[in-house]
N, C-alpha and C. Protein backbone atom coordinates (compact mmCIF):
# COMPACT_ATOMS: atom_id res chain seq x y z
N MET A 1 12.13 -6.86 15.13
CA MET A 1 13.12 -6.06 14.46
C MET A 1 13.33 -4.71 15.15
N GLY A 2 12.27 -4.12 15.67
CA GLY A 2 12.37 -2.82 16.32
C GLY A 2 13.19 -2.86 17.60
N SER A 3 13.05 -3.96 18.37
CA SER A 3 13.82 -4.07 19.61
C SER A 3 15.30 -4.21 19.33
N LEU A 4 15.65 -4.94 18.31
CA LEU A 4 17.05 -5.10 17.95
C LEU A 4 17.64 -3.77 17.50
N LEU A 5 16.87 -3.00 16.76
CA LEU A 5 17.35 -1.68 16.34
C LEU A 5 17.52 -0.75 17.54
N ALA A 6 16.59 -0.79 18.47
CA ALA A 6 16.69 0.06 19.66
C ALA A 6 17.93 -0.29 20.48
N ILE A 7 18.20 -1.56 20.64
CA ILE A 7 19.39 -1.98 21.38
C ILE A 7 20.65 -1.55 20.63
N THR A 8 20.62 -1.63 19.31
CA THR A 8 21.77 -1.18 18.51
C THR A 8 22.00 0.31 18.67
N TYR A 9 20.93 1.10 18.65
CA TYR A 9 21.06 2.54 18.84
C TYR A 9 21.64 2.86 20.21
N ILE A 10 21.16 2.18 21.24
CA ILE A 10 21.64 2.42 22.59
C ILE A 10 23.11 2.03 22.71
N LEU A 11 23.48 0.89 22.17
CA LEU A 11 24.86 0.44 22.25
C LEU A 11 25.79 1.40 21.50
N CYS A 12 25.38 1.84 20.34
CA CYS A 12 26.21 2.79 19.58
C CYS A 12 26.34 4.12 20.29
N SER A 13 25.28 4.59 20.94
CA SER A 13 25.38 5.86 21.65
C SER A 13 26.28 5.72 22.88
N ILE A 14 26.26 4.57 23.54
CA ILE A 14 27.15 4.35 24.69
C ILE A 14 28.60 4.34 24.23
N ILE A 15 28.88 3.61 23.17
CA ILE A 15 30.25 3.55 22.66
C ILE A 15 30.72 4.92 22.18
N ALA A 16 29.87 5.62 21.44
CA ALA A 16 30.25 6.93 20.91
C ALA A 16 30.48 7.95 22.03
N LEU A 17 29.65 7.92 23.05
CA LEU A 17 29.80 8.90 24.12
C LEU A 17 31.03 8.60 24.97
N ASN A 18 31.35 7.34 25.18
CA ASN A 18 32.55 7.03 25.93
C ASN A 18 33.81 7.37 25.13
N ILE A 19 33.76 7.22 23.81
CA ILE A 19 34.88 7.67 22.98
C ILE A 19 34.98 9.20 23.03
N PHE A 20 33.85 9.86 22.97
CA PHE A 20 33.82 11.32 23.09
C PHE A 20 34.41 11.76 24.44
N GLY A 21 34.07 11.02 25.49
CA GLY A 21 34.62 11.33 26.81
C GLY A 21 36.11 11.12 26.90
N LYS A 22 36.63 10.14 26.18
CA LYS A 22 38.09 9.92 26.16
C LYS A 22 38.80 11.03 25.38
N ILE A 23 38.21 11.45 24.27
CA ILE A 23 38.83 12.49 23.46
C ILE A 23 38.75 13.84 24.17
N TYR A 24 37.57 14.19 24.68
CA TYR A 24 37.35 15.45 25.38
C TYR A 24 37.15 15.15 26.86
N SER A 25 38.23 14.91 27.56
CA SER A 25 38.13 14.51 28.97
C SER A 25 37.56 15.60 29.86
N LYS A 26 37.56 16.83 29.37
CA LYS A 26 36.97 17.94 30.12
C LYS A 26 35.48 17.72 30.35
N TYR A 27 34.82 17.07 29.42
CA TYR A 27 33.38 16.86 29.51
C TYR A 27 33.00 15.49 30.07
N SER A 28 33.95 14.63 30.29
CA SER A 28 33.65 13.28 30.73
C SER A 28 33.25 13.26 32.21
N LEU A 29 32.28 12.44 32.53
CA LEU A 29 31.85 12.28 33.92
C LEU A 29 32.13 10.88 34.43
N GLY A 30 32.94 10.13 33.73
CA GLY A 30 33.25 8.76 34.12
C GLY A 30 32.48 7.76 33.26
N LEU A 31 32.94 6.54 33.30
CA LEU A 31 32.37 5.50 32.45
C LEU A 31 30.89 5.23 32.75
N THR A 32 30.57 5.10 34.02
CA THR A 32 29.17 4.79 34.39
C THR A 32 28.23 5.94 34.07
N ALA A 33 28.62 7.14 34.45
CA ALA A 33 27.77 8.31 34.19
C ALA A 33 27.63 8.56 32.70
N ASN A 34 28.72 8.42 31.95
CA ASN A 34 28.64 8.60 30.50
C ASN A 34 27.71 7.57 29.88
N SER A 35 27.77 6.34 30.36
CA SER A 35 26.90 5.29 29.80
C SER A 35 25.43 5.57 30.10
N LEU A 36 25.13 5.99 31.31
CA LEU A 36 23.74 6.32 31.65
C LEU A 36 23.23 7.51 30.86
N ILE A 37 24.06 8.51 30.71
CA ILE A 37 23.68 9.68 29.94
C ILE A 37 23.46 9.30 28.48
N ALA A 38 24.30 8.41 27.97
CA ALA A 38 24.15 7.97 26.57
C ALA A 38 22.83 7.25 26.36
N VAL A 39 22.44 6.42 27.31
CA VAL A 39 21.17 5.69 27.18
C VAL A 39 20.00 6.66 27.14
N PHE A 40 19.94 7.55 28.12
CA PHE A 40 18.80 8.46 28.20
C PHE A 40 18.80 9.50 27.08
N GLY A 41 19.97 10.05 26.77
CA GLY A 41 20.04 11.06 25.70
C GLY A 41 19.73 10.47 24.35
N GLY A 42 20.27 9.29 24.07
CA GLY A 42 20.02 8.66 22.79
C GLY A 42 18.58 8.25 22.59
N VAL A 43 18.02 7.64 23.61
CA VAL A 43 16.63 7.19 23.51
C VAL A 43 15.68 8.38 23.40
N PHE A 44 15.94 9.42 24.18
CA PHE A 44 15.06 10.59 24.16
C PHE A 44 15.01 11.23 22.78
N LEU A 45 16.17 11.43 22.18
CA LEU A 45 16.18 12.10 20.88
C LEU A 45 15.63 11.21 19.77
N VAL A 46 15.92 9.93 19.83
CA VAL A 46 15.39 9.02 18.80
C VAL A 46 13.87 8.92 18.92
N LYS A 47 13.36 8.87 20.13
CA LYS A 47 11.90 8.75 20.30
C LYS A 47 11.17 10.03 19.91
N THR A 48 11.79 11.18 20.12
CA THR A 48 11.08 12.41 19.78
C THR A 48 11.26 12.79 18.31
N VAL A 49 12.48 12.88 17.84
CA VAL A 49 12.73 13.35 16.49
C VAL A 49 12.78 12.20 15.49
N GLY A 50 13.27 11.06 15.90
CA GLY A 50 13.45 9.94 14.99
C GLY A 50 12.17 9.41 14.39
N ARG A 51 11.08 9.54 15.10
CA ARG A 51 9.80 9.07 14.56
C ARG A 51 9.36 9.88 13.35
N ILE A 52 9.77 11.11 13.33
CA ILE A 52 9.42 11.96 12.19
C ILE A 52 10.11 11.47 10.92
N PHE A 53 11.38 11.08 11.06
CA PHE A 53 12.16 10.66 9.90
C PHE A 53 11.80 9.26 9.43
N SER A 54 11.58 8.34 10.37
CA SER A 54 11.49 6.93 9.97
C SER A 54 10.12 6.54 9.43
N LYS A 55 9.03 6.95 10.06
CA LYS A 55 7.67 6.61 9.63
C LYS A 55 7.50 5.10 9.42
N ASN A 56 8.00 4.32 10.40
CA ASN A 56 7.92 2.85 10.39
C ASN A 56 8.58 2.22 9.17
N ASP A 57 9.61 2.83 8.69
CA ASP A 57 10.36 2.31 7.55
C ASP A 57 11.71 1.80 8.05
N PHE A 58 12.11 0.62 7.60
CA PHE A 58 13.37 0.05 8.03
C PHE A 58 14.43 0.22 6.95
N GLY A 59 14.38 1.29 6.22
CA GLY A 59 15.35 1.54 5.17
C GLY A 59 16.67 2.01 5.74
N ALA A 60 17.67 2.04 4.90
CA ALA A 60 19.01 2.43 5.34
C ALA A 60 19.06 3.89 5.77
N ILE A 61 18.29 4.73 5.13
CA ILE A 61 18.29 6.15 5.49
C ILE A 61 17.68 6.35 6.87
N ALA A 62 16.59 5.67 7.15
CA ALA A 62 15.95 5.79 8.46
C ALA A 62 16.83 5.24 9.57
N ILE A 63 17.47 4.12 9.32
CA ILE A 63 18.33 3.51 10.33
C ILE A 63 19.54 4.40 10.59
N SER A 64 20.17 4.90 9.55
CA SER A 64 21.35 5.74 9.74
C SER A 64 21.00 7.08 10.38
N SER A 65 19.86 7.65 10.04
CA SER A 65 19.47 8.92 10.67
C SER A 65 19.14 8.71 12.14
N ASN A 66 18.48 7.62 12.48
CA ASN A 66 18.21 7.34 13.89
C ASN A 66 19.49 7.05 14.66
N LEU A 67 20.44 6.40 14.02
CA LEU A 67 21.72 6.12 14.66
C LEU A 67 22.46 7.42 14.96
N LEU A 68 22.49 8.31 13.99
CA LEU A 68 23.14 9.60 14.21
C LEU A 68 22.40 10.44 15.25
N LEU A 69 21.08 10.38 15.25
CA LEU A 69 20.30 11.10 16.26
C LEU A 69 20.60 10.57 17.66
N SER A 70 20.76 9.27 17.77
CA SER A 70 21.07 8.67 19.06
C SER A 70 22.42 9.16 19.57
N ILE A 71 23.40 9.21 18.69
CA ILE A 71 24.73 9.67 19.10
C ILE A 71 24.70 11.16 19.45
N PHE A 72 24.06 11.97 18.62
CA PHE A 72 23.99 13.40 18.91
C PHE A 72 23.20 13.69 20.18
N GLY A 73 22.14 12.93 20.42
CA GLY A 73 21.37 13.10 21.65
C GLY A 73 22.20 12.80 22.89
N ALA A 74 23.01 11.77 22.81
CA ALA A 74 23.86 11.41 23.94
C ALA A 74 24.90 12.49 24.21
N VAL A 75 25.54 12.99 23.15
CA VAL A 75 26.55 14.04 23.32
C VAL A 75 25.91 15.32 23.83
N PHE A 76 24.75 15.67 23.30
CA PHE A 76 24.06 16.88 23.72
C PHE A 76 23.67 16.81 25.20
N LEU A 77 23.16 15.67 25.63
CA LEU A 77 22.78 15.54 27.04
C LEU A 77 24.01 15.56 27.94
N LEU A 78 25.13 15.00 27.49
CA LEU A 78 26.36 15.06 28.28
C LEU A 78 26.81 16.50 28.47
N LEU A 79 26.73 17.30 27.42
CA LEU A 79 27.11 18.70 27.54
C LEU A 79 26.19 19.46 28.50
N ILE A 80 24.91 19.16 28.45
CA ILE A 80 23.96 19.80 29.37
C ILE A 80 24.24 19.40 30.80
N VAL A 81 24.42 18.11 31.05
CA VAL A 81 24.69 17.63 32.41
C VAL A 81 26.01 18.19 32.92
N ASN A 82 26.99 18.31 32.06
CA ASN A 82 28.27 18.87 32.46
C ASN A 82 28.12 20.33 32.88
N LYS A 83 27.36 21.10 32.12
CA LYS A 83 27.12 22.51 32.48
C LYS A 83 26.38 22.62 33.80
N ILE A 84 25.39 21.76 34.02
CA ILE A 84 24.65 21.77 35.29
C ILE A 84 25.58 21.43 36.44
N THR A 85 26.44 20.44 36.25
CA THR A 85 27.38 20.04 37.29
C THR A 85 28.34 21.18 37.63
N ILE A 86 28.82 21.89 36.63
CA ILE A 86 29.72 23.01 36.86
C ILE A 86 29.01 24.11 37.64
N LYS A 87 27.77 24.42 37.25
CA LYS A 87 27.02 25.48 37.95
C LYS A 87 26.71 25.09 39.39
N LEU A 88 26.39 23.82 39.63
CA LEU A 88 26.11 23.38 41.00
C LEU A 88 27.37 23.41 41.86
N ASN A 89 28.50 23.07 41.29
CA ASN A 89 29.75 23.12 42.04
C ASN A 89 30.18 24.55 42.34
N LYS A 90 29.88 25.50 41.48
CA LYS A 90 30.22 26.90 41.73
C LYS A 90 29.34 27.48 42.84
N LYS A 91 28.07 27.05 42.91
CA LYS A 91 27.18 27.55 43.95
C LYS A 91 27.60 27.05 45.33
N GLY A 92 28.18 25.87 45.38
CA GLY A 92 28.60 25.30 46.66
C GLY A 92 29.85 25.94 47.22
N ASP A 93 30.63 26.62 46.38
CA ASP A 93 31.89 27.22 46.84
C ASP A 93 31.67 28.49 47.57
């Protein structure tokens, strides 16, 4: 059950981040980069903060909070990577 939930979190964060990238094209780094960022950002935040909320419970509150954490982690990491990319491009000029 845990593996299926993890795959669901990852898939939802990929979809959400690519939709975010379409809406806010200023922050988008392309489909492949957005997908990779979504995987790492979502997994990182769910593994660190999500364990506090869930406590090995498969209830609706734990699943929905981990799902939202996965999406927020992906968006947060995209914003960080975008800022780093902008700063690196300014140094090269």
